[in-house]
Amino acid sequence: MRAAERVQPVEDSSVEGAVVSAKGLGKTFGDTEVLKDIDFSVAASEVVCVIGPSGSGKSTLLRCLAFLEAYDAGSVHIGGQLLGYKDQGGMRVRASERAIDRVRAPIGMVFQHFHLWPHRTALENVTEALRLVAGLSRREAEKQGMDMLERVGLVDRADHYPEQLSGGQKQRVAIARALAMKPQVMYFDEPTSALDPELVGEVLEVMKQLAREGMTMVIVTHEMGFAAHVADRVVFMDAGKIVESGKPEEVFRNPSSPRLQQFLNTWRERSI
């Protein structure tokens, strides 16, 4: 979308009390509509797991909620502030990158493939943003960085480079890096899908602890057992739409839509 392209009249469509809210969210890639009129919100301390088949729009939704992808229709609010656009003459136009960064500052994001700097140690990966963005001294940043590594069980790996770490350890460093910026909400995009099966548990345990501590989280995941036991709400997506949303016990035990029933049956067959 071009910076001056008009989207729609400005109106406050944030959900009262929500940390993150989206209204009428739409996104297209070329002729393909990948998100279709999505309404979505997350309350403080709520854990929402987004599930669905590959290509259903789950990761695109998460990226639009962080404005890593510019959405084409609707709105996203973070803490009541419109993300990505501004009012100009009664119409909505793209905001400056500085303004976008300011609104999405409360978001911490953990990606599927870690995105660690290979030439920096685990501690340096965690402290880089603390020094360059938060403006902390090296000493202050390293203290906070060590606290974050302790939180994810990796103090003894502080001086190790990414190539010296397992996949699970790399992902825990990525979580520590996001936590170091003291986010109000954490986004996780398939955080265990790139891991060997035996390493998945250590990452999920860190995420379970964050949930117990009251961290607000939006998690795109294929780990159904994790979603069933940790999520406050499960959202099922298919073909760019939210098909069903509810408490885990409702979604997994009594799905109301045939498409969700089919998806869960396929998952159960693969799990046998």
Protein backbone atom coordinates (compact mmCIF):
# COMPACT_ATOMS: atom_id res chain seq x y z
CA MET A 1 0.00 0.00 0.00
CA ARG A 2 1.43 3.40 -0.93
CA ALA A 3 2.05 5.85 1.91
CA ALA A 4 -0.61 8.33 0.76
CA GLU A 5 -3.21 5.81 -0.36
CA ARG A 6 -6.58 6.39 1.25
CA VAL A 7 -8.06 3.47 3.14
CA GLN A 8 -11.26 4.51 4.91
CA PRO A 9 -12.73 7.24 7.14
CA VAL A 10 -11.18 7.33 10.59
CA GLU A 11 -13.21 5.98 13.45
CA ASP A 12 -12.27 4.53 16.83
CA SER A 13 -12.98 0.81 16.45
CA SER A 14 -10.79 -0.34 19.35
CA VAL A 15 -12.32 -2.73 21.86
CA GLU A 16 -12.57 -1.17 25.30
CA GLY A 17 -10.09 -2.73 27.73
CA ALA A 18 -8.33 -4.78 25.05
CA VAL A 19 -4.56 -4.81 24.78
CA VAL A 20 -4.89 -5.73 21.09
CA SER A 21 -7.98 -5.37 18.93
CA ALA A 22 -8.72 -5.72 15.23
CA LYS A 23 -11.95 -4.79 13.47
CA GLY A 24 -12.88 -5.75 9.92
CA LEU A 25 -9.25 -6.65 9.21
CA GLY A 26 -8.47 -7.50 5.60
CA LYS A 27 -5.30 -8.34 3.68
CA THR A 28 -4.66 -9.30 0.07
CA PHE A 29 -1.58 -10.48 -1.78
CA GLY A 30 -2.15 -9.77 -5.45
CA ASP A 31 -5.53 -11.30 -6.31
CA THR A 32 -5.54 -13.53 -3.22
CA GLU A 33 -7.55 -12.39 -0.21
CA VAL A 34 -5.72 -13.94 2.74
CA LEU A 35 -7.60 -12.20 5.57
CA LYS A 36 -11.32 -11.54 5.30
CA ASP A 37 -13.18 -9.20 7.69
CA ILE A 38 -11.41 -10.38 10.86
CA ASP A 39 -12.66 -9.21 14.26
CA PHE A 40 -10.20 -10.13 16.99
CA SER A 41 -9.29 -8.88 20.46
CA VAL A 42 -7.10 -9.88 23.39
CA ALA A 43 -7.61 -8.76 26.98
CA ALA A 44 -4.84 -8.15 29.50
CA SER A 45 -3.32 -11.43 30.82
CA GLU A 46 -5.30 -13.48 28.29
CA VAL A 47 -3.61 -16.28 26.36
CA VAL A 48 -5.10 -16.76 22.89
CA CYS A 49 -3.94 -19.65 20.70
CA VAL A 50 -4.67 -19.42 16.97
CA ILE A 51 -4.90 -22.78 15.19
CA GLY A 52 -5.81 -23.91 11.70
CA PRO A 53 -4.45 -25.59 8.57
CA SER A 54 -1.47 -24.30 6.63
CA GLY A 55 -2.44 -21.37 4.44
CA SER A 56 -5.39 -20.36 6.59
CA GLY A 57 -3.97 -16.90 7.34
CA LYS A 58 -2.75 -17.46 10.90
CA SER A 59 0.75 -16.02 10.51
CA THR A 60 -0.49 -13.21 8.28
CA LEU A 61 -2.96 -12.24 10.99
CA LEU A 62 -0.17 -12.09 13.56
CA ARG A 63 2.05 -10.06 11.24
CA CYS A 64 -0.78 -7.60 10.54
CA LEU A 65 -1.40 -7.29 14.29
CA ALA A 66 2.22 -6.10 14.54
CA PHE A 67 2.11 -4.17 11.23
CA LEU A 68 4.94 -6.25 9.86
CA GLU A 69 2.46 -6.61 7.02
CA ALA A 70 0.37 -3.55 6.16
CA TYR A 71 -3.31 -4.49 6.29
CA ASP A 72 -5.58 -3.31 3.48
CA ALA A 73 -8.90 -2.94 5.28
CA GLY A 74 -10.18 -2.48 8.80
CA SER A 75 -8.09 -1.44 11.77
CA VAL A 76 -5.72 -2.66 14.46
CA HIS A 77 -5.42 -0.94 17.82
CA ILE A 78 -2.69 -1.55 20.41
CA GLY A 79 -3.64 -0.24 23.82
CA GLY A 80 -6.35 1.83 22.18
CA GLN A 81 -3.98 3.44 19.64
CA LEU A 82 -4.45 2.92 15.91
CA LEU A 83 -1.53 0.96 14.45
CA GLY A 84 -0.11 1.76 11.02
CA TYR A 85 -2.29 4.68 9.96
CA LYS A 86 -3.26 8.21 10.95
CA ASP A 87 -6.05 10.71 10.38
CA GLN A 88 -5.40 13.11 7.52
CA GLY A 89 -8.29 15.24 6.41
CA GLY A 90 -10.84 12.77 7.74
CA MET A 91 -9.24 9.88 5.87
CA ARG A 92 -6.79 7.21 6.97
CA VAL A 93 -3.27 7.28 5.52
CA ARG A 94 -0.15 5.38 6.44
CA ALA A 95 1.68 6.75 9.47
CA SER A 96 5.42 7.41 9.62
CA GLU A 97 7.72 4.55 10.59
CA ARG A 98 8.54 6.36 13.81
CA ALA A 99 4.87 6.60 14.72
CA ILE A 100 4.32 2.94 13.83
CA ASP A 101 7.24 1.89 16.02
CA ARG A 102 5.89 3.96 18.90
CA VAL A 103 2.45 2.33 18.78
CA ARG A 104 3.80 -1.21 18.48
CA ALA A 105 6.47 -0.73 21.18
CA PRO A 106 4.39 -2.76 23.71
CA ILE A 107 4.64 -5.85 21.45
CA GLY A 108 7.29 -8.53 21.86
CA MET A 109 7.57 -10.95 18.94
CA VAL A 110 9.07 -14.43 18.72
CA PHE A 111 9.43 -15.93 15.27
CA GLN A 112 9.63 -19.49 14.00
CA HIS A 113 13.28 -19.22 12.96
CA PHE A 114 14.79 -17.36 15.95
CA HIS A 115 16.45 -14.49 13.97
CA LEU A 116 19.43 -14.33 16.33
CA TRP A 117 22.60 -12.49 15.31
CA PRO A 118 25.12 -15.27 14.64
CA HIS A 119 28.14 -13.11 15.51
CA ARG A 120 26.83 -12.19 18.97
CA THR A 121 26.61 -14.30 22.12
CA ALA A 122 23.32 -15.21 23.75
CA LEU A 123 23.76 -12.34 26.21
CA GLU A 124 24.67 -9.89 23.45
CA ASN A 125 21.58 -10.91 21.48
CA VAL A 126 19.46 -10.06 24.50
CA THR A 127 21.22 -6.79 25.39
CA GLU A 128 21.55 -5.23 21.93
CA ALA A 129 18.09 -3.63 21.91
CA LEU A 130 18.40 -2.67 25.58
CA ARG A 131 21.44 -0.58 24.71
CA LEU A 132 20.47 0.78 21.29
CA VAL A 133 16.71 1.23 21.77
CA ALA A 134 16.18 1.55 25.54
CA GLY A 135 19.42 3.50 25.99
CA LEU A 136 20.79 1.49 28.90
CA SER A 137 24.47 1.42 29.76
CA ARG A 138 26.39 -1.77 29.04
CA ARG A 139 26.38 -2.66 32.74
CA GLU A 140 22.63 -2.10 33.15
CA ALA A 141 21.85 -3.95 29.94
CA GLU A 142 23.98 -6.93 30.91
CA LYS A 143 22.33 -7.14 34.33
CA GLN A 144 18.86 -7.13 32.79
CA GLY A 145 20.03 -9.51 30.07
CA MET A 146 21.29 -12.02 32.61
CA ASP A 147 17.99 -11.72 34.48
CA MET A 148 16.14 -12.57 31.28
CA LEU A 149 18.43 -15.51 30.50
CA GLU A 150 17.86 -16.79 34.02
CA ARG A 151 14.13 -16.50 33.43
CA VAL A 152 14.38 -18.88 30.46
CA GLY A 153 16.94 -21.17 32.11
CA LEU A 154 20.00 -20.18 30.07
CA VAL A 155 22.32 -18.29 32.41
CA ASP A 156 24.98 -20.94 31.81
CA ARG A 157 24.82 -20.28 28.05
CA ALA A 158 25.24 -16.50 28.23
CA ASP A 159 28.64 -16.55 26.51
CA HIS A 160 27.69 -19.10 23.84
CA TYR A 161 27.15 -18.13 20.22
CA PRO A 162 24.01 -19.32 18.37
CA GLU A 163 25.96 -22.04 16.52
CA GLN A 164 26.82 -23.52 19.93
CA LEU A 165 23.18 -23.70 21.01
CA SER A 166 20.46 -26.23 20.28
CA GLY A 167 17.30 -25.12 18.47
CA GLY A 168 15.38 -25.05 21.73
CA GLN A 169 18.05 -22.94 23.38
CA LYS A 170 18.07 -20.52 20.45
CA GLN A 171 14.33 -20.07 20.75
CA ARG A 172 14.61 -19.47 24.48
CA VAL A 173 17.23 -16.78 23.80
CA ALA A 174 14.78 -15.22 21.33
CA ILE A 175 12.10 -15.25 24.04
CA ALA A 176 14.52 -13.67 26.53
CA ARG A 177 15.37 -10.97 23.97
CA ALA A 178 11.68 -10.12 23.53
CA LEU A 179 11.03 -10.16 27.28
CA ALA A 180 13.96 -7.83 27.94
CA MET A 181 12.02 -4.94 26.37
CA LYS A 182 9.23 -5.45 28.94
CA PRO A 183 6.38 -5.93 26.46
CA GLN A 184 2.73 -5.72 27.41
CA VAL A 185 1.86 -8.50 24.96
CA MET A 186 3.89 -11.30 23.37
CA TYR A 187 3.25 -12.65 19.87
CA PHE A 188 4.53 -16.13 19.03
CA ASP A 189 4.51 -17.30 15.41
CA GLU A 190 4.79 -21.12 15.36
CA PRO A 191 7.61 -20.97 17.94
CA THR A 192 8.22 -24.75 18.00
CA SER A 193 7.64 -25.75 14.38
CA ALA A 194 11.34 -25.52 13.45
CA LEU A 195 12.48 -27.62 16.42
CA ASP A 196 13.29 -31.29 16.71
CA PRO A 197 10.49 -33.04 18.66
CA GLU A 198 12.64 -33.63 21.74
CA LEU A 199 13.37 -29.88 22.04
CA VAL A 200 9.78 -28.67 21.84
CA GLY A 201 9.02 -29.25 25.51
CA GLU A 202 11.66 -26.87 26.85
CA VAL A 203 10.25 -23.97 24.82
CA LEU A 204 6.65 -24.76 25.70
CA GLU A 205 7.58 -24.90 29.39
CA VAL A 206 8.92 -21.33 29.23
CA MET A 207 5.70 -20.23 27.55
CA LYS A 208 3.62 -22.02 30.20
CA GLN A 209 5.52 -20.14 32.89
CA LEU A 210 4.83 -16.84 31.13
CA ALA A 211 1.14 -17.73 31.10
CA ARG A 212 1.24 -18.50 34.82
CA GLU A 213 2.86 -15.11 35.41
CA GLY A 214 -0.01 -13.37 33.60
CA MET A 215 1.72 -12.40 30.36
CA THR A 216 -0.72 -11.46 27.60
CA MET A 217 0.03 -13.73 24.64
CA VAL A 218 -1.15 -14.41 21.10
CA ILE A 219 0.25 -17.73 19.92
CA VAL A 220 0.00 -19.18 16.42
CA THR A 221 0.62 -22.85 17.01
CA HIS A 222 0.14 -26.40 15.80
CA GLU A 223 0.70 -27.76 19.34
CA MET A 224 -2.90 -28.73 20.14
CA GLY A 225 -2.10 -30.18 23.55
CA PHE A 226 -0.42 -26.95 24.58
CA ALA A 227 -3.37 -24.89 23.32
CA ALA A 228 -5.82 -27.14 25.15
CA HIS A 229 -4.06 -26.82 28.51
CA VAL A 230 -2.67 -23.26 28.46
CA ALA A 231 -4.97 -21.08 26.34
CA ASP A 232 -7.81 -19.07 27.80
CA ARG A 233 -9.30 -18.99 24.31
CA VAL A 234 -8.67 -20.89 21.10
CA VAL A 235 -9.34 -19.32 17.69
CA PHE A 236 -9.70 -21.59 14.66
CA MET A 237 -8.98 -20.05 11.25
CA ASP A 238 -9.60 -21.40 7.78
CA ALA A 239 -9.43 -19.73 4.36
CA GLY A 240 -8.64 -16.33 5.85
CA LYS A 241 -11.57 -16.25 8.27
CA ILE A 242 -12.16 -16.95 11.95
CA VAL A 243 -14.46 -19.95 11.80
CA GLU A 244 -14.80 -20.65 15.50
CA SER A 245 -13.57 -19.19 18.79
CA GLY A 246 -14.09 -20.28 22.37
CA LYS A 247 -12.69 -21.88 25.49
CA PRO A 248 -10.37 -24.83 24.79
CA GLU A 249 -12.77 -27.39 26.18
CA GLU A 250 -15.52 -26.12 23.89
CA VAL A 251 -13.37 -25.91 20.78
CA PHE A 252 -11.66 -29.30 21.18
CA ARG A 253 -14.48 -31.37 22.70
CA ASN A 254 -17.57 -29.87 21.11
CA PRO A 255 -16.65 -28.14 17.83
CA SER A 256 -19.72 -26.60 16.26
CA SER A 257 -18.44 -26.17 12.70
CA PRO A 258 -17.93 -29.10 10.30
CA ARG A 259 -14.61 -27.57 9.15
CA LEU A 260 -13.18 -27.57 12.68
CA GLN A 261 -14.42 -31.12 13.23
CA GLN A 262 -12.64 -32.19 10.04
CA PHE A 263 -9.43 -30.39 11.08
CA LEU A 264 -9.40 -31.99 14.53
CA ASN A 265 -10.12 -35.46 13.10
CA THR A 266 -7.16 -35.09 10.76
CA TRP A 267 -4.93 -33.96 13.62
CA ARG A 268 -6.00 -36.88 15.80
CA GLU A 269 -5.34 -39.37 13.00
CA ARG A 270 -1.84 -37.98 12.52
CA SER A 271 -1.19 -38.10 16.26
CA ILE A 272 -1.91 -41.82 16.57
